Every structure is written in structure tokens, then in C-alpha cells.
Amino acid sequence: MNFFTALIETCKGTKVFLKLLSQTLGKSLWHLFFLILICSLFIMLCTYSESTERINETFAHLEETFGDIQVGKKGIISTKIKKTISFPVVDDRYTITYIPEIDKAKLPKIDADDMTSGFLWTPTMLTSWTKLGPDKFLLIPFAYCSDKQLSIKSMKRSSILTYIKNNTSAEKKVISLSPELNWTALRKYCTNTLISVAFLGNIVGILLQTLLFVMMFSFILNLSSKNTGAPALKYKTRFVIGIYVSFPPLLIATMFSAFQLPFLSFNSVYVICFSIYLIVVFTHLQLNLNASGQDQIEQ
């Protein structure tokens, strides 16, 4: 059965699941990935305008706060701010930390208020950071003054400024992921990067969640059928059926996420709808297996 037929029929009712008993695992996984790709793309398109507007507002605030970005003998500096400053941006989800004189400064608590990611700006390096543990950070250099390429680096909090001092210098040339170091270029780069990361994050997150719940509920139902003596489907067959059961819940959860409906998250909607529909589908299958006298389905 092809993807679109399976999608339409699983949304129409439970009759199609008898036909899907013979579907191969590989084909069902491909169908699942294709549906998640469509759902993630739909969520991205529906939220794109709001996301870009929020990013534009953030960069307008940054430009107003810091002034122009100046690249010269002192490195990459702000034309307005002359002291260390740190503040949250993007609905308090990220922290911007600016240190104008790295030789004399100490690193502020960049992860204050339970922040897990942000951006650190020094005269010789602009880098994003992600908190990996209580005292472990991942630095992702964006622009820096150096004579060598710097890669993503994991380190302790106390080593961050030392690492920047040892590997960069205002006398070196500027290496940047963006073609220009100004707010317009940075805004475009961050917009494309954040939208892409969110899109890929949705694909991976939805895929892992779906496979986890399909495996878990298939295992539980397999144990239940053994205890009750009901006709038992092979675990792989239950897994395939579970994948197709997830199709309507994924579509409903996508609507909630894309249109940012209140009260329930994508995960909550998916789990509720999947749990209910799975019980309905397997009850229908067991009744049909009982009526036909089958005691086992082989792949």
C-alpha cells in the first residue's frame, strides 16, 4: 500500500489495518518518516512569520543597545557599550553576554536564571554556547580573530576565557561564518540558522517520540494478549500497525503546534490521541482475528 492511500485510509477508519498487517517494516518506517517530514514542514511554514518577527525585534533591540559592530585594531567591538553586560533575549530563552576587555574581565555567570544557551561576545571572538552539564559548556565559534580555523569545543566554565585568549588575537584576521559583520547580515544568518535548526529538531524529536511510544505500547499489548489468551500478533506486526496508528494523532498534534493552540502541547495531543486510537484499532483487529479463527499472524 502506498503512502497516500495508507494516510487517507487510517484517517477514515480501522478497516484498513487488516490490509496493513502484511505491510513490511521498512516500508512503514519510510511512510512514517515522510509524514513527519510533511508535518515538520507545515509547522515551520505556519510559524515562520512569527519566528522571523521575533528575531527581527531581538536584533533591533541589540542594535539599539550596542550600536554598530566595529571591526578594527581592537578586534570586534560595540560602538556604544564600554562595560561588561549580560541580558536575556528571545522571550528569555537565550543570554547575550558582552565583555569589552577580555584581559581584565572575569566571565559573568552566563547561565544565570537556569539559562541553557546563549551568545558570548568578546573583542576577539563571537561564539554561541550551550550548557551540557553543571560545569560543562559547548562553544560554537561564529566569528573570531585568528590565523587558524577553530572548531566546536567542549570545556569547563573556568576555561572559557582562557581558551579565547590562547586561540585568538585582535592582531589576527577575522574569520566569520557570515560574509559581513553587521546587524543585517547577522540577522539573516541567525534567521536561516534558527529556522533550519528548529525544522530539523522537529523531525528528529517527533520521529524519536513516535518510535518510542509505538515500541512501548506494542510491547504492552503483546504481553496483554498473552495473558488473556487472545489471538497474538507477532511483535513486528504490532510495531507496523502501531506506526500507522500514529498517523492521525500526528496530524492532529501538528495542527495544535502549527496554529499554537492553547492548553495542550504537541506531545500531549499526540500521546492522548495515539493511546485512544491504538486501543480502538487493536480491539478491532482482535475481534476480526477471533472471528476468522486465526491464532497468529506471520510476517
C-alpha atoms as a PDB file:
ATOM      1  CA  MET A   1       0.000   0.000   0.000  1.00  0.00           C
ATOM      2  CA  ASN A   2       1.377   3.404  -0.938  1.00  0.00           C
ATOM      3  CA  PHE A   3       1.801   6.327   1.448  1.00  0.00           C
ATOM      4  CA  PHE A   4      -1.175   8.465   0.469  1.00  0.00           C
ATOM      5  CA  THR A   5      -3.598   5.528   0.464  1.00  0.00           C
ATOM      6  CA  ALA A   6      -2.375   4.472   3.914  1.00  0.00           C
ATOM      7  CA  LEU A   7      -2.650   8.024   5.245  1.00  0.00           C
ATOM      8  CA  ILE A   8      -6.169   8.604   3.952  1.00  0.00           C
ATOM      9  CA  GLU A   9      -7.492   5.207   4.974  1.00  0.00           C
ATOM     10  CA  THR A  10      -6.030   5.320   8.517  1.00  0.00           C
ATOM     11  CA  CYS A  11      -7.789   8.652   8.995  1.00  0.00           C
ATOM     12  CA  LYS A  12     -11.095   7.273   7.674  1.00  0.00           C
ATOM     13  CA  GLY A  13     -11.391   4.251   9.962  1.00  0.00           C
ATOM     14  CA  THR A  14      -9.997   0.948  11.212  1.00  0.00           C
ATOM     15  CA  LYS A  15     -10.827  -1.362   8.281  1.00  0.00           C
ATOM     16  CA  VAL A  16      -7.546  -0.622   6.507  1.00  0.00           C
ATOM     17  CA  PHE A  17      -5.473  -2.096   9.343  1.00  0.00           C
ATOM     18  CA  LEU A  18      -6.360  -5.655   8.310  1.00  0.00           C
ATOM     19  CA  LYS A  19      -4.670  -4.923   4.976  1.00  0.00           C
ATOM     20  CA  LEU A  20      -1.721  -3.275   6.712  1.00  0.00           C
ATOM     21  CA  LEU A  21      -0.932  -6.498   8.612  1.00  0.00           C
ATOM     22  CA  SER A  22       1.126  -7.596   5.622  1.00  0.00           C
ATOM     23  CA  GLN A  23       2.978  -4.281   5.200  1.00  0.00           C
ATOM     24  CA  THR A  24       6.750  -4.569   5.541  1.00  0.00           C
ATOM     25  CA  LEU A  25       8.578  -2.849   8.398  1.00  0.00           C
ATOM     26  CA  GLY A  26      10.901  -0.970   6.054  1.00  0.00           C
ATOM     27  CA  LYS A  27       8.025   0.471   4.055  1.00  0.00           C
ATOM     28  CA  SER A  28       6.107   1.509   7.172  1.00  0.00           C
ATOM     29  CA  LEU A  29       9.180   3.298   8.574  1.00  0.00           C
ATOM     30  CA  TRP A  30       9.642   5.149   5.286  1.00  0.00           C
ATOM     31  CA  HIS A  31       5.973   6.197   5.347  1.00  0.00           C
ATOM     32  CA  LEU A  32       6.373   7.416   8.925  1.00  0.00           C
ATOM     33  CA  PHE A  33       9.446   9.485   8.090  1.00  0.00           C
ATOM     34  CA  PHE A  34       7.723  11.018   5.057  1.00  0.00           C
ATOM     35  CA  LEU A  35       4.689  12.005   7.150  1.00  0.00           C
ATOM     36  CA  ILE A  36       6.897  13.530   9.853  1.00  0.00           C
ATOM     37  CA  LEU A  37       8.765  15.471   7.161  1.00  0.00           C
ATOM     38  CA  ILE A  38       5.454  16.883   5.905  1.00  0.00           C
ATOM     39  CA  CYS A  39       4.277  17.694   9.453  1.00  0.00           C
ATOM     40  CA  SER A  40       7.554  19.438  10.334  1.00  0.00           C
ATOM     41  CA  LEU A  41       7.459  21.448   7.114  1.00  0.00           C
ATOM     42  CA  PHE A  42       3.863  22.516   7.820  1.00  0.00           C
ATOM     43  CA  ILE A  43       4.761  23.602  11.366  1.00  0.00           C
ATOM     44  CA  MET A  44       7.746  25.577  10.055  1.00  0.00           C
ATOM     45  CA  LEU A  45       5.671  27.354   7.384  1.00  0.00           C
ATOM     46  CA  CYS A  46       2.900  28.243   9.842  1.00  0.00           C
ATOM     47  CA  THR A  47       5.288  29.578  12.491  1.00  0.00           C
ATOM     48  CA  TYR A  48       7.825  31.173  10.131  1.00  0.00           C
ATOM     49  CA  SER A  49       6.304  34.643  10.174  1.00  0.00           C
ATOM     50  CA  GLU A  50       6.108  34.842  13.958  1.00  0.00           C
ATOM     51  CA  SER A  51       9.610  33.393  14.363  1.00  0.00           C
ATOM     52  CA  THR A  52      11.171  35.883  11.950  1.00  0.00           C
ATOM     53  CA  GLU A  53       9.282  38.759  13.558  1.00  0.00           C
ATOM     54  CA  ARG A  54      10.621  37.756  16.973  1.00  0.00           C
ATOM     55  CA  ILE A  55      14.170  37.534  15.586  1.00  0.00           C
ATOM     56  CA  ASN A  56      13.832  40.944  13.892  1.00  0.00           C
ATOM     57  CA  GLU A  57      12.636  42.512  17.148  1.00  0.00           C
ATOM     58  CA  THR A  58      15.561  40.941  19.010  1.00  0.00           C
ATOM     59  CA  PHE A  59      18.128  42.275  16.547  1.00  0.00           C
ATOM     60  CA  ALA A  60      16.530  45.714  16.564  1.00  0.00           C
ATOM     61  CA  HIS A  61      16.929  45.716  20.345  1.00  0.00           C
ATOM     62  CA  LEU A  62      20.554  44.536  20.060  1.00  0.00           C
ATOM     63  CA  GLU A  63      21.411  47.240  17.536  1.00  0.00           C
ATOM     64  CA  GLU A  64      19.813  49.885  19.742  1.00  0.00           C
ATOM     65  CA  THR A  65      21.734  48.597  22.782  1.00  0.00           C
ATOM     66  CA  PHE A  66      25.167  48.015  21.266  1.00  0.00           C
ATOM     67  CA  GLY A  67      25.221  50.440  18.342  1.00  0.00           C
ATOM     68  CA  ASP A  68      27.219  49.421  15.267  1.00  0.00           C
ATOM     69  CA  ILE A  69      29.605  46.472  15.222  1.00  0.00           C
ATOM     70  CA  GLN A  70      33.096  47.849  14.702  1.00  0.00           C
ATOM     71  CA  VAL A  71      35.921  45.699  13.348  1.00  0.00           C
ATOM     72  CA  GLY A  72      39.385  47.200  13.728  1.00  0.00           C
ATOM     73  CA  LYS A  73      42.616  47.196  15.701  1.00  0.00           C
ATOM     74  CA  LYS A  74      40.762  46.436  18.932  1.00  0.00           C
ATOM     75  CA  GLY A  75      39.005  43.478  17.363  1.00  0.00           C
ATOM     76  CA  ILE A  76      35.223  43.135  17.130  1.00  0.00           C
ATOM     77  CA  ILE A  77      33.671  45.683  19.471  1.00  0.00           C
ATOM     78  CA  SER A  78      30.491  47.623  20.156  1.00  0.00           C
ATOM     79  CA  THR A  79      30.469  51.343  19.415  1.00  0.00           C
ATOM     80  CA  LYS A  80      28.193  52.110  22.404  1.00  0.00           C
ATOM     81  CA  ILE A  81      28.831  49.683  25.265  1.00  0.00           C
ATOM     82  CA  LYS A  82      32.105  50.058  27.184  1.00  0.00           C
ATOM     83  CA  LYS A  83      31.443  47.696  30.088  1.00  0.00           C
ATOM     84  CA  THR A  84      30.547  44.050  30.628  1.00  0.00           C
ATOM     85  CA  ILE A  85      26.839  43.465  30.140  1.00  0.00           C
ATOM     86  CA  SER A  86      24.603  40.404  30.125  1.00  0.00           C
ATOM     87  CA  PHE A  87      20.864  40.182  29.474  1.00  0.00           C
ATOM     88  CA  PRO A  88      18.231  37.711  28.187  1.00  0.00           C
ATOM     89  CA  VAL A  89      16.679  37.844  24.701  1.00  0.00           C
ATOM     90  CA  VAL A  90      14.074  35.943  22.625  1.00  0.00           C
ATOM     91  CA  ASP A  91      11.461  35.510  25.366  1.00  0.00           C
ATOM     92  CA  ASP A  92      14.205  34.974  27.966  1.00  0.00           C
ATOM     93  CA  ARG A  93      15.408  31.787  26.289  1.00  0.00           C
ATOM     94  CA  TYR A  94      18.936  32.974  25.439  1.00  0.00           C
ATOM     95  CA  THR A  95      21.515  35.194  27.098  1.00  0.00           C
ATOM     96  CA  ILE A  96      23.689  37.782  25.356  1.00  0.00           C
ATOM     97  CA  THR A  97      26.943  38.487  27.221  1.00  0.00           C
ATOM     98  CA  TYR A  98      29.336  41.224  26.077  1.00  0.00           C
ATOM     99  CA  ILE A  99      32.865  41.552  27.525  1.00  0.00           C
ATOM    100  CA  PRO A 100      34.689  44.587  26.034  1.00  0.00           C
ATOM    101  CA  GLU A 101      38.091  43.949  27.697  1.00  0.00           C
ATOM    102  CA  ILE A 102      38.802  40.257  27.958  1.00  0.00           C
ATOM    103  CA  ASP A 103      42.231  40.650  29.632  1.00  0.00           C
ATOM    104  CA  LYS A 104      40.830  42.447  32.658  1.00  0.00           C
ATOM    105  CA  ALA A 105      37.400  40.832  32.921  1.00  0.00           C
ATOM    106  CA  LYS A 106      36.012  37.794  34.650  1.00  0.00           C
ATOM    107  CA  LEU A 107      33.377  35.665  32.994  1.00  0.00           C
ATOM    108  CA  PRO A 108      29.897  36.526  34.336  1.00  0.00           C
ATOM    109  CA  LYS A 109      27.510  33.729  35.229  1.00  0.00           C
ATOM    110  CA  ILE A 110      26.304  33.299  31.671  1.00  0.00           C
ATOM    111  CA  ASP A 111      23.889  30.526  32.679  1.00  0.00           C
ATOM    112  CA  ALA A 112      22.138  32.568  35.371  1.00  0.00           C
ATOM    113  CA  ASP A 113      18.394  32.002  35.860  1.00  0.00           C
ATOM    114  CA  ASP A 114      18.714  28.440  34.517  1.00  0.00           C
ATOM    115  CA  MET A 115      19.715  29.564  31.025  1.00  0.00           C
ATOM    116  CA  THR A 116      20.983  26.675  28.902  1.00  0.00           C
ATOM    117  CA  SER A 117      22.234  28.553  25.831  1.00  0.00           C
ATOM    118  CA  GLY A 118      23.307  31.982  24.715  1.00  0.00           C
ATOM    119  CA  PHE A 119      25.848  34.122  22.927  1.00  0.00           C
ATOM    120  CA  LEU A 120      29.199  35.394  24.196  1.00  0.00           C
ATOM    121  CA  TRP A 121      30.767  38.463  22.570  1.00  0.00           C
ATOM    122  CA  THR A 122      34.399  39.384  23.247  1.00  0.00           C
ATOM    123  CA  PRO A 123      36.721  41.604  21.152  1.00  0.00           C
ATOM    124  CA  THR A 124      38.352  38.559  19.586  1.00  0.00           C
ATOM    125  CA  MET A 125      35.503  36.057  19.432  1.00  0.00           C
ATOM    126  CA  LEU A 126      31.759  35.885  18.963  1.00  0.00           C
ATOM    127  CA  THR A 127      30.539  32.444  19.971  1.00  0.00           C
ATOM    128  CA  SER A 128      27.314  30.737  20.853  1.00  0.00           C
ATOM    129  CA  TRP A 129      27.301  28.389  23.828  1.00  0.00           C
ATOM    130  CA  THR A 130      25.187  25.518  25.075  1.00  0.00           C
ATOM    131  CA  LYS A 131      25.238  24.173  28.608  1.00  0.00           C
ATOM    132  CA  LEU A 132      25.980  20.443  28.708  1.00  0.00           C
ATOM    133  CA  GLY A 133      26.229  19.990  32.483  1.00  0.00           C
ATOM    134  CA  PRO A 134      26.677  21.838  35.787  1.00  0.00           C
ATOM    135  CA  ASP A 135      30.182  22.952  34.779  1.00  0.00           C
ATOM    136  CA  LYS A 136      30.454  21.998  31.128  1.00  0.00           C
ATOM    137  CA  PHE A 137      29.767  24.159  28.086  1.00  0.00           C
ATOM    138  CA  LEU A 138      29.886  23.668  24.334  1.00  0.00           C
ATOM    139  CA  LEU A 139      31.333  26.648  22.441  1.00  0.00           C
ATOM    140  CA  ILE A 140      30.409  27.122  18.780  1.00  0.00           C
ATOM    141  CA  PRO A 141      32.581  29.966  17.381  1.00  0.00           C
ATOM    142  CA  PHE A 142      30.782  32.241  14.931  1.00  0.00           C
ATOM    143  CA  ALA A 143      33.401  34.928  14.271  1.00  0.00           C
ATOM    144  CA  TYR A 144      36.906  35.239  15.690  1.00  0.00           C
ATOM    145  CA  CYS A 145      40.309  36.849  15.153  1.00  0.00           C
ATOM    146  CA  SER A 146      42.761  34.051  14.489  1.00  0.00           C
ATOM    147  CA  ASP A 147      45.188  32.616  11.966  1.00  0.00           C
ATOM    148  CA  LYS A 148      43.583  29.171  12.184  1.00  0.00           C
ATOM    149  CA  GLN A 149      40.146  27.624  11.951  1.00  0.00           C
ATOM    150  CA  LEU A 150      38.538  26.989  15.332  1.00  0.00           C
ATOM    151  CA  SER A 151      36.110  24.120  15.748  1.00  0.00           C
ATOM    152  CA  ILE A 152      33.328  23.397  18.214  1.00  0.00           C
ATOM    153  CA  LYS A 153      34.853  22.895  21.661  1.00  0.00           C
ATOM    154  CA  SER A 154      33.606  21.429  24.949  1.00  0.00           C
ATOM    155  CA  MET A 155      35.104  22.893  28.132  1.00  0.00           C
ATOM    156  CA  LYS A 156      34.600  23.866  31.752  1.00  0.00           C
ATOM    157  CA  ARG A 157      33.330  27.301  32.759  1.00  0.00           C
ATOM    158  CA  SER A 158      36.727  28.349  34.146  1.00  0.00           C
ATOM    159  CA  SER A 159      38.437  27.541  30.831  1.00  0.00           C
ATOM    160  CA  ILE A 160      36.233  29.617  28.512  1.00  0.00           C
ATOM    161  CA  LEU A 161      38.066  32.950  28.699  1.00  0.00           C
ATOM    162  CA  THR A 162      41.453  31.208  28.814  1.00  0.00           C
ATOM    163  CA  TYR A 163      40.596  29.315  25.639  1.00  0.00           C
ATOM    164  CA  ILE A 164      39.573  32.532  23.874  1.00  0.00           C
ATOM    165  CA  LYS A 165      42.755  34.345  24.994  1.00  0.00           C
ATOM    166  CA  ASN A 166      45.032  31.484  23.912  1.00  0.00           C
ATOM    167  CA  ASN A 167      43.468  30.967  20.499  1.00  0.00           C
ATOM    168  CA  THR A 168      42.559  34.458  19.308  1.00  0.00           C
ATOM    169  CA  SER A 169      44.189  37.880  18.992  1.00  0.00           C
ATOM    170  CA  ALA A 170      42.958  41.282  17.810  1.00  0.00           C
ATOM    171  CA  GLU A 171      46.017  41.439  15.551  1.00  0.00           C
ATOM    172  CA  LYS A 172      44.856  38.426  13.539  1.00  0.00           C
ATOM    173  CA  LYS A 173      42.422  38.436  10.619  1.00  0.00           C
ATOM    174  CA  VAL A 174      38.716  37.962  11.244  1.00  0.00           C
ATOM    175  CA  ILE A 175      37.244  34.591  10.313  1.00  0.00           C
ATOM    176  CA  SER A 176      33.445  34.627  10.188  1.00  0.00           C
ATOM    177  CA  LEU A 177      30.610  32.300   9.188  1.00  0.00           C
ATOM    178  CA  SER A 178      28.748  35.364   7.946  1.00  0.00           C
ATOM    179  CA  PRO A 179      30.080  37.249   4.885  1.00  0.00           C
ATOM    180  CA  GLU A 180      29.814  40.538   6.796  1.00  0.00           C
ATOM    181  CA  LEU A 181      29.880  41.519  10.470  1.00  0.00           C
ATOM    182  CA  ASN A 182      26.918  43.865  10.751  1.00  0.00           C
ATOM    183  CA  TRP A 183      23.474  43.512  12.265  1.00  0.00           C
ATOM    184  CA  THR A 184      21.705  42.979   8.939  1.00  0.00           C
ATOM    185  CA  ALA A 185      23.994  40.130   7.890  1.00  0.00           C
ATOM    186  CA  LEU A 186      23.888  38.598  11.367  1.00  0.00           C
ATOM    187  CA  ARG A 187      20.097  38.782  11.453  1.00  0.00           C
ATOM    188  CA  LYS A 188      19.790  36.992   8.101  1.00  0.00           C
ATOM    189  CA  TYR A 189      22.304  34.346   9.121  1.00  0.00           C
ATOM    190  CA  CYS A 190      20.628  33.717  12.503  1.00  0.00           C
ATOM    191  CA  THR A 191      17.167  33.600  10.929  1.00  0.00           C
ATOM    192  CA  ASN A 192      18.215  30.938   8.433  1.00  0.00           C
ATOM    193  CA  THR A 193      20.156  29.000  11.065  1.00  0.00           C
ATOM    194  CA  LEU A 194      17.470  29.049  13.764  1.00  0.00           C
ATOM    195  CA  ILE A 195      14.665  28.151  11.346  1.00  0.00           C
ATOM    196  CA  SER A 196      16.725  25.272   9.940  1.00  0.00           C
ATOM    197  CA  VAL A 197      17.670  24.005  13.401  1.00  0.00           C
ATOM    198  CA  ALA A 198      14.031  24.183  14.541  1.00  0.00           C
ATOM    199  CA  PHE A 199      12.917  22.296  11.422  1.00  0.00           C
ATOM    200  CA  LEU A 200      15.488  19.520  11.869  1.00  0.00           C
ATOM    201  CA  GLY A 201      14.779  19.447  15.607  1.00  0.00           C
ATOM    202  CA  ASN A 202      11.092  18.855  14.914  1.00  0.00           C
ATOM    203  CA  ILE A 203      11.869  15.989  12.547  1.00  0.00           C
ATOM    204  CA  VAL A 204      14.212  14.237  14.978  1.00  0.00           C
ATOM    205  CA  GLY A 205      12.077  14.935  18.058  1.00  0.00           C
ATOM    206  CA  ILE A 206       8.796  13.771  16.510  1.00  0.00           C
ATOM    207  CA  LEU A 207      10.429  10.692  14.970  1.00  0.00           C
ATOM    208  CA  LEU A 208      12.047   9.582  18.239  1.00  0.00           C
ATOM    209  CA  GLN A 209       8.890  10.218  20.251  1.00  0.00           C
ATOM    210  CA  THR A 210       6.722   8.301  17.794  1.00  0.00           C
ATOM    211  CA  LEU A 211       9.032   5.289  17.644  1.00  0.00           C
ATOM    212  CA  LEU A 212       9.328   5.256  21.452  1.00  0.00           C
ATOM    213  CA  PHE A 213       5.580   5.184  22.028  1.00  0.00           C
ATOM    214  CA  VAL A 214       4.961   2.674  19.238  1.00  0.00           C
ATOM    215  CA  MET A 215       7.572   0.306  20.719  1.00  0.00           C
ATOM    216  CA  MET A 216       6.290   0.757  24.261  1.00  0.00           C
ATOM    217  CA  PHE A 217       2.603   0.259  23.523  1.00  0.00           C
ATOM    218  CA  SER A 218       3.275  -2.610  21.107  1.00  0.00           C
ATOM    219  CA  PHE A 219       5.213  -4.385  23.848  1.00  0.00           C
ATOM    220  CA  ILE A 220       2.469  -3.787  26.434  1.00  0.00           C
ATOM    221  CA  LEU A 221      -0.257  -5.030  24.085  1.00  0.00           C
ATOM    222  CA  ASN A 222       1.817  -8.082  23.219  1.00  0.00           C
ATOM    223  CA  LEU A 223       2.058  -9.001  26.926  1.00  0.00           C
ATOM    224  CA  SER A 224      -1.638  -8.327  27.390  1.00  0.00           C
ATOM    225  CA  SER A 225      -2.631 -10.649  24.558  1.00  0.00           C
ATOM    226  CA  LYS A 226      -0.542 -13.473  26.048  1.00  0.00           C
ATOM    227  CA  ASN A 227      -2.179 -13.075  29.447  1.00  0.00           C
ATOM    228  CA  THR A 228      -5.718 -13.047  28.051  1.00  0.00           C
ATOM    229  CA  GLY A 229      -5.196 -15.834  25.535  1.00  0.00           C
ATOM    230  CA  ALA A 230      -6.387 -13.636  22.675  1.00  0.00           C
ATOM    231  CA  PRO A 231      -5.018 -14.253  19.176  1.00  0.00           C
ATOM    232  CA  ALA A 232      -1.485 -12.874  19.205  1.00  0.00           C
ATOM    233  CA  LEU A 233       0.146 -10.804  16.522  1.00  0.00           C
ATOM    234  CA  LYS A 234       3.873 -11.012  16.108  1.00  0.00           C
ATOM    235  CA  TYR A 235       5.677  -8.101  17.764  1.00  0.00           C
ATOM    236  CA  LYS A 236       6.959  -6.794  14.417  1.00  0.00           C
ATOM    237  CA  THR A 237       3.410  -6.825  13.063  1.00  0.00           C
ATOM    238  CA  ARG A 238       2.204  -4.906  16.125  1.00  0.00           C
ATOM    239  CA  PHE A 239       5.001  -2.414  15.589  1.00  0.00           C
ATOM    240  CA  VAL A 240       3.988  -1.859  11.952  1.00  0.00           C
ATOM    241  CA  ILE A 241       0.353  -1.397  12.953  1.00  0.00           C
ATOM    242  CA  GLY A 242       1.440   0.983  15.711  1.00  0.00           C
ATOM    243  CA  ILE A 243       3.283   3.119  13.163  1.00  0.00           C
ATOM    244  CA  TYR A 244       0.157   3.514  11.042  1.00  0.00           C
ATOM    245  CA  VAL A 245      -1.996   4.097  14.133  1.00  0.00           C
ATOM    246  CA  SER A 246       0.209   7.129  14.822  1.00  0.00           C
ATOM    247  CA  PHE A 247      -0.718   8.802  11.518  1.00  0.00           C
ATOM    248  CA  PRO A 248      -3.975  10.532  12.591  1.00  0.00           C
ATOM    249  CA  PRO A 249      -2.551  11.548  16.019  1.00  0.00           C
ATOM    250  CA  LEU A 250       0.485  13.083  14.292  1.00  0.00           C
ATOM    251  CA  LEU A 251      -1.761  15.143  12.021  1.00  0.00           C
ATOM    252  CA  ILE A 252      -3.892  16.366  14.941  1.00  0.00           C
ATOM    253  CA  ALA A 253      -0.833  17.206  17.069  1.00  0.00           C
ATOM    254  CA  THR A 254       0.692  19.050  14.106  1.00  0.00           C
ATOM    255  CA  MET A 255      -2.388  21.298  13.906  1.00  0.00           C
ATOM    256  CA  PHE A 256      -2.037  22.160  17.590  1.00  0.00           C
ATOM    257  CA  SER A 257       1.639  23.011  17.181  1.00  0.00           C
ATOM    258  CA  ALA A 258       1.362  24.843  13.844  1.00  0.00           C
ATOM    259  CA  PHE A 259      -1.515  27.063  14.957  1.00  0.00           C
ATOM    260  CA  GLN A 260      -0.140  27.331  18.515  1.00  0.00           C
ATOM    261  CA  LEU A 261      -3.429  26.319  20.110  1.00  0.00           C
ATOM    262  CA  PRO A 262      -3.605  26.752  23.898  1.00  0.00           C
ATOM    263  CA  PHE A 263      -3.614  24.303  26.816  1.00  0.00           C
ATOM    264  CA  LEU A 264      -2.031  21.252  25.137  1.00  0.00           C
ATOM    265  CA  SER A 265       1.414  20.746  23.615  1.00  0.00           C
ATOM    266  CA  PHE A 266       2.308  18.649  20.573  1.00  0.00           C
ATOM    267  CA  ASN A 267       3.463  15.805  22.840  1.00  0.00           C
ATOM    268  CA  SER A 268       0.309  15.815  24.983  1.00  0.00           C
ATOM    269  CA  VAL A 269      -2.045  15.805  21.995  1.00  0.00           C
ATOM    270  CA  TYR A 270      -0.099  13.022  20.286  1.00  0.00           C
ATOM    271  CA  VAL A 271       0.020  10.770  23.368  1.00  0.00           C
ATOM    272  CA  ILE A 272      -3.693  11.181  24.121  1.00  0.00           C
ATOM    273  CA  CYS A 273      -4.847  10.582  20.548  1.00  0.00           C
ATOM    274  CA  PHE A 274      -2.398   7.740  19.940  1.00  0.00           C
ATOM    275  CA  SER A 275      -3.385   5.888  23.136  1.00  0.00           C
ATOM    276  CA  ILE A 276      -7.096   6.056  22.351  1.00  0.00           C
ATOM    277  CA  TYR A 277      -6.790   5.167  18.679  1.00  0.00           C
ATOM    278  CA  LEU A 278      -4.374   2.309  19.377  1.00  0.00           C
ATOM    279  CA  ILE A 279      -6.879   0.646  21.731  1.00  0.00           C
ATOM    280  CA  VAL A 280      -9.666   1.057  19.169  1.00  0.00           C
ATOM    281  CA  VAL A 281      -7.570  -0.369  16.321  1.00  0.00           C
ATOM    282  CA  PHE A 282      -6.237  -3.390  18.228  1.00  0.00           C
ATOM    283  CA  THR A 283      -9.689  -4.166  19.613  1.00  0.00           C
ATOM    284  CA  HIS A 284     -10.997  -4.177  16.033  1.00  0.00           C
ATOM    285  CA  LEU A 285      -8.124  -6.401  14.890  1.00  0.00           C
ATOM    286  CA  GLN A 286      -8.582  -8.911  17.732  1.00  0.00           C
ATOM    287  CA  LEU A 287     -12.304  -9.187  17.030  1.00  0.00           C
ATOM    288  CA  ASN A 288     -11.601  -9.919  13.378  1.00  0.00           C
ATOM    289  CA  LEU A 289      -8.896 -12.444  14.246  1.00  0.00           C
ATOM    290  CA  ASN A 290     -11.231 -14.185  16.680  1.00  0.00           C
ATOM    291  CA  ALA A 291     -13.942 -14.349  14.037  1.00  0.00           C
ATOM    292  CA  SER A 292     -11.573 -15.850  11.475  1.00  0.00           C
ATOM    293  CA  GLY A 293     -10.087 -18.341  13.956  1.00  0.00           C
ATOM    294  CA  GLN A 294      -6.512 -17.176  13.486  1.00  0.00           C
ATOM    295  CA  ASP A 295      -4.117 -17.577  16.370  1.00  0.00           C
ATOM    296  CA  GLN A 296      -1.046 -15.959  14.894  1.00  0.00           C
ATOM    297  CA  ILE A 297      -0.029 -13.584  12.122  1.00  0.00           C
ATOM    298  CA  GLU A 298       3.281 -14.198  10.425  1.00  0.00           C
ATOM    299  CA  GLN A 299       5.195 -11.570   8.501  1.00  0.00           C
END
